[in-house]
N, C-alpha and C. Protein backbone atom coordinates (compact mmCIF):
# COMPACT_ATOMS: atom_id res chain seq x y z
N MET A 1 17.06 0.01 4.84
CA MET A 1 15.19 0.09 4.76
C MET A 1 14.16 0.17 6.01
N ARG A 2 12.80 0.74 5.54
CA ARG A 2 12.04 0.22 6.50
C ARG A 2 10.47 0.18 5.45
N PHE A 3 10.10 -0.64 6.53
CA PHE A 3 8.36 -0.31 6.70
C PHE A 3 7.70 1.11 5.90
N PRO A 4 7.54 1.59 4.95
CA PRO A 4 6.87 2.94 4.94
C PRO A 4 5.57 3.29 6.27
N ASN A 5 4.88 4.08 6.07
CA ASN A 5 3.59 4.74 6.93
C ASN A 5 2.35 4.79 5.66
N LYS A 6 1.89 6.14 6.10
CA LYS A 6 1.18 6.13 5.33
C LYS A 6 1.50 6.91 3.82
N GLU A 7 3.37 7.58 4.31
CA GLU A 7 3.75 7.89 3.37
C GLU A 7 3.44 7.19 1.67
N LEU A 8 3.03 5.58 2.04
CA LEU A 8 2.85 4.58 1.04
C LEU A 8 2.06 5.39 0.01
N ALA A 9 0.54 6.15 0.73
CA ALA A 9 -0.14 6.87 -0.58
C ALA A 9 0.66 7.73 -1.59
N THR A 10 1.79 8.37 -0.94
CA THR A 10 2.16 9.35 -1.97
C THR A 10 2.51 8.44 -3.63
N THR A 11 2.58 7.04 -3.53
CA THR A 11 2.94 6.87 -4.72
C THR A 11 1.74 7.02 -5.89
N VAL A 12 0.57 7.15 -5.08
CA VAL A 12 -0.63 6.72 -5.37
C VAL A 12 -0.96 7.76 -7.06
N ASP A 13 -1.05 7.80 -8.53
CA ASP A 13 -1.07 9.04 -8.79
C ASP A 13 -2.90 9.08 -9.57
N ASP A 14 -3.46 9.92 -9.19
CA ASP A 14 -4.83 9.61 -8.55
C ASP A 14 -5.49 9.86 -10.39
N ILE A 15 -5.01 10.38 -11.56
CA ILE A 15 -5.66 10.56 -12.82
C ILE A 15 -5.83 8.75 -13.10
N ARG A 16 -4.82 8.41 -12.55
CA ARG A 16 -4.91 6.07 -12.80
C ARG A 16 -5.30 5.70 -12.19
N VAL A 17 -5.73 4.49 -13.07
CA VAL A 17 -7.34 3.48 -12.53
C VAL A 17 -5.92 2.34 -13.72
N ALA A 18 -6.03 0.75 -11.95
CA ALA A 18 -5.71 -0.07 -12.05
C ALA A 18 -4.73 -0.10 -13.34
N PRO A 19 -3.14 -0.21 -12.78
CA PRO A 19 -2.91 0.05 -11.41
C PRO A 19 -2.69 1.99 -11.29
N ALA A 20 -2.90 2.23 -10.07
CA ALA A 20 -3.45 3.54 -9.67
C ALA A 20 -1.63 4.57 -9.40
N VAL A 21 -0.86 3.54 -10.68
CA VAL A 21 -0.03 4.48 -10.29
C VAL A 21 1.12 4.12 -11.53
N ASP A 22 2.42 5.33 -11.56
CA ASP A 22 2.51 5.04 -12.67
C ASP A 22 3.42 3.75 -13.49
N PRO A 23 3.55 3.31 -13.97
CA PRO A 23 4.47 2.11 -14.55
C PRO A 23 4.88 2.09 -14.68
N ALA A 24 5.46 3.03 -15.50
CA ALA A 24 7.28 2.88 -15.45
C ALA A 24 8.40 3.50 -14.21
N ALA A 25 7.81 3.84 -13.47
CA ALA A 25 7.98 4.26 -13.10
C ALA A 25 7.72 3.07 -11.07
N PHE A 26 6.90 2.21 -11.56
CA PHE A 26 6.47 1.03 -10.53
C PHE A 26 6.29 0.11 -11.50
N PRO A 27 7.27 -0.67 -12.22
CA PRO A 27 7.07 -1.51 -13.80
C PRO A 27 6.51 -3.27 -13.05
N ALA A 28 6.78 -3.44 -11.65
CA ALA A 28 6.75 -4.58 -11.14
C ALA A 28 5.49 -4.42 -9.78
N ILE A 29 4.24 -3.71 -10.01
CA ILE A 29 3.40 -3.16 -8.71
C ILE A 29 2.41 -4.42 -9.42
N GLN A 30 1.97 -4.77 -8.26
CA GLN A 30 0.73 -5.85 -8.24
C GLN A 30 -0.62 -4.76 -8.09
N LYS A 31 -1.59 -5.12 -9.15
CA LYS A 31 -2.01 -3.78 -9.36
C LYS A 31 -3.44 -4.00 -7.93
N ASP A 32 -4.22 -5.55 -7.95
CA ASP A 32 -4.99 -6.28 -7.33
C ASP A 32 -4.42 -6.91 -5.94
N ALA A 33 -3.94 -6.29 -5.35
CA ALA A 33 -3.46 -7.00 -4.43
C ALA A 33 -3.13 -5.82 -3.02
N TRP A 34 -2.81 -6.08 -1.82
CA TRP A 34 -2.75 -5.07 -0.89
C TRP A 34 -1.53 -4.70 -0.62
N TYR A 35 -0.67 -3.46 -0.24
CA TYR A 35 0.56 -3.29 0.37
C TYR A 35 0.59 -2.67 1.64
N TRP A 36 0.94 -3.51 2.81
CA TRP A 36 0.87 -2.74 3.61
C TRP A 36 2.10 -2.16 4.33
N THR A 37 2.03 -1.28 5.49
CA THR A 37 2.76 -0.36 6.03
C THR A 37 2.88 -0.77 7.35
N ALA A 38 3.42 0.00 7.94
CA ALA A 38 4.19 0.13 9.49
C ALA A 38 2.79 0.15 10.41
N GLY A 39 2.47 1.60 9.88
CA GLY A 39 1.16 1.28 10.79
C GLY A 39 -0.21 0.34 11.21
N ALA A 40 -0.18 0.41 12.49
CA ALA A 40 -0.86 -0.20 13.50
C ALA A 40 -1.94 0.35 13.55
N SER A 41 -2.89 -0.06 13.87
CA SER A 41 -4.13 0.29 14.15
C SER A 41 -4.45 0.00 15.81
N ASP A 42 -4.35 0.84 16.72
CA ASP A 42 -3.82 1.41 18.14
C ASP A 42 -4.36 0.41 19.27
N PRO A 43 -5.74 -0.11 19.20
CA PRO A 43 -6.88 -0.95 19.42
C PRO A 43 -6.50 -2.26 18.98
N GLU A 44 -5.95 -2.80 17.56
CA GLU A 44 -5.95 -4.08 17.32
C GLU A 44 -4.62 -3.80 16.22
N PRO A 45 -3.46 -4.61 17.42
CA PRO A 45 -2.24 -4.58 17.07
C PRO A 45 -2.10 -5.17 15.18
N ALA A 46 -2.71 -6.52 15.37
CA ALA A 46 -2.93 -6.89 13.88
C ALA A 46 -3.28 -6.57 12.68
N VAL A 47 -4.03 -5.40 13.10
CA VAL A 47 -4.69 -4.53 12.11
C VAL A 47 -3.61 -3.46 11.24
N ARG A 48 -3.55 -3.46 10.02
CA ARG A 48 -2.51 -2.44 9.35
C ARG A 48 -3.25 -2.07 9.07
N TRP A 49 -2.97 -0.34 8.58
CA TRP A 49 -2.85 0.50 6.88
C TRP A 49 -2.38 -0.01 5.97
N ALA A 50 -3.12 -0.25 4.86
CA ALA A 50 -2.97 -1.35 3.86
C ALA A 50 -3.00 -0.08 2.73
N LEU A 51 -2.47 -0.33 1.46
CA LEU A 51 -2.91 0.07 0.74
C LEU A 51 -3.75 -0.83 -1.17
N ASN A 52 -4.14 -0.19 -1.98
CA ASN A 52 -4.47 -1.53 -2.49
C ASN A 52 -4.05 -0.70 -4.08
N TYR A 53 -3.11 -1.27 -5.09
CA TYR A 53 -2.76 -0.34 -6.25
C TYR A 53 -3.96 -0.49 -7.22
N ASP A 54 -4.89 -1.52 -7.19
CA ASP A 54 -6.04 -1.73 -8.53
C ASP A 54 -6.10 -0.08 -8.84
N ASP A 55 -7.22 0.36 -7.47
CA ASP A 55 -7.17 2.09 -7.38
C ASP A 55 -7.19 3.05 -6.49
N GLY A 56 -5.90 2.10 -5.98
CA GLY A 56 -6.25 3.77 -5.05
C GLY A 56 -6.33 3.29 -3.52
N TYR A 57 -7.43 2.88 -3.15
CA TYR A 57 -7.82 2.27 -2.16
C TYR A 57 -6.97 2.30 -0.92
N THR A 58 -7.58 3.05 -0.15
CA THR A 58 -6.30 2.99 1.68
C THR A 58 -7.03 2.57 3.05
N ASN A 59 -6.95 1.61 3.93
CA ASN A 59 -8.12 1.21 5.00
C ASN A 59 -6.88 0.56 5.76
N TYR A 60 -7.75 0.36 6.86
CA TYR A 60 -7.11 -0.70 7.95
C TYR A 60 -7.67 -1.95 7.84
N ARG A 61 -6.19 -3.09 7.57
CA ARG A 61 -6.94 -4.50 7.36
C ARG A 61 -6.64 -5.20 7.99
N LYS A 62 -6.90 -6.78 8.36
CA LYS A 62 -6.21 -7.55 8.98
C LYS A 62 -4.98 -8.12 8.62
N LEU A 63 -4.05 -8.62 9.60
CA LEU A 63 -2.58 -8.09 8.59
C LEU A 63 -2.80 -9.63 8.09
N THR A 64 -2.51 -10.36 7.33
CA THR A 64 -2.78 -11.90 6.86
C THR A 64 -1.64 -12.19 5.92
N THR A 65 -2.32 -11.94 4.32
CA THR A 65 -1.02 -11.74 2.97
C THR A 65 -0.60 -10.57 2.78
N GLY A 66 -0.17 -10.41 1.64
CA GLY A 66 0.21 -9.30 0.51
C GLY A 66 1.68 -8.65 0.50
N TYR A 67 1.79 -7.46 0.14
CA TYR A 67 3.07 -7.63 -0.13
C TYR A 67 3.46 -6.28 0.68
N VAL A 68 4.93 -6.09 0.31
CA VAL A 68 5.36 -4.58 1.10
C VAL A 68 6.55 -4.02 0.05
N ARG A 69 6.41 -2.42 0.09
CA ARG A 69 7.35 -2.05 -0.04
C ARG A 69 7.72 -0.80 0.32
N CYS A 70 9.53 -1.11 0.60
CA CYS A 70 10.22 -0.78 1.99
C CYS A 70 10.65 0.30 1.18
N VAL A 71 10.97 1.67 2.06
CA VAL A 71 11.57 2.85 1.66
C VAL A 71 12.79 2.85 2.60
N ARG A 72 13.86 4.16 2.14
CA ARG A 72 15.29 4.05 2.85
C ARG A 72 14.57 5.54 3.60
């Protein structure tokens, strides 16, 4: 298992909001939290690409707290 990169965005369902993911496929999703990926920002290694399942928003954020969803 590994941390995903930007491929995590493929789990977002564009027709859903709060959460922006199919709850049947991901029943334990934290909708108002950041999910981190392995994708670091080159100039700032502590900054990671992250996704918020409340609305599917993605952005680079400073790594402090959050969740991860591992992939195979």
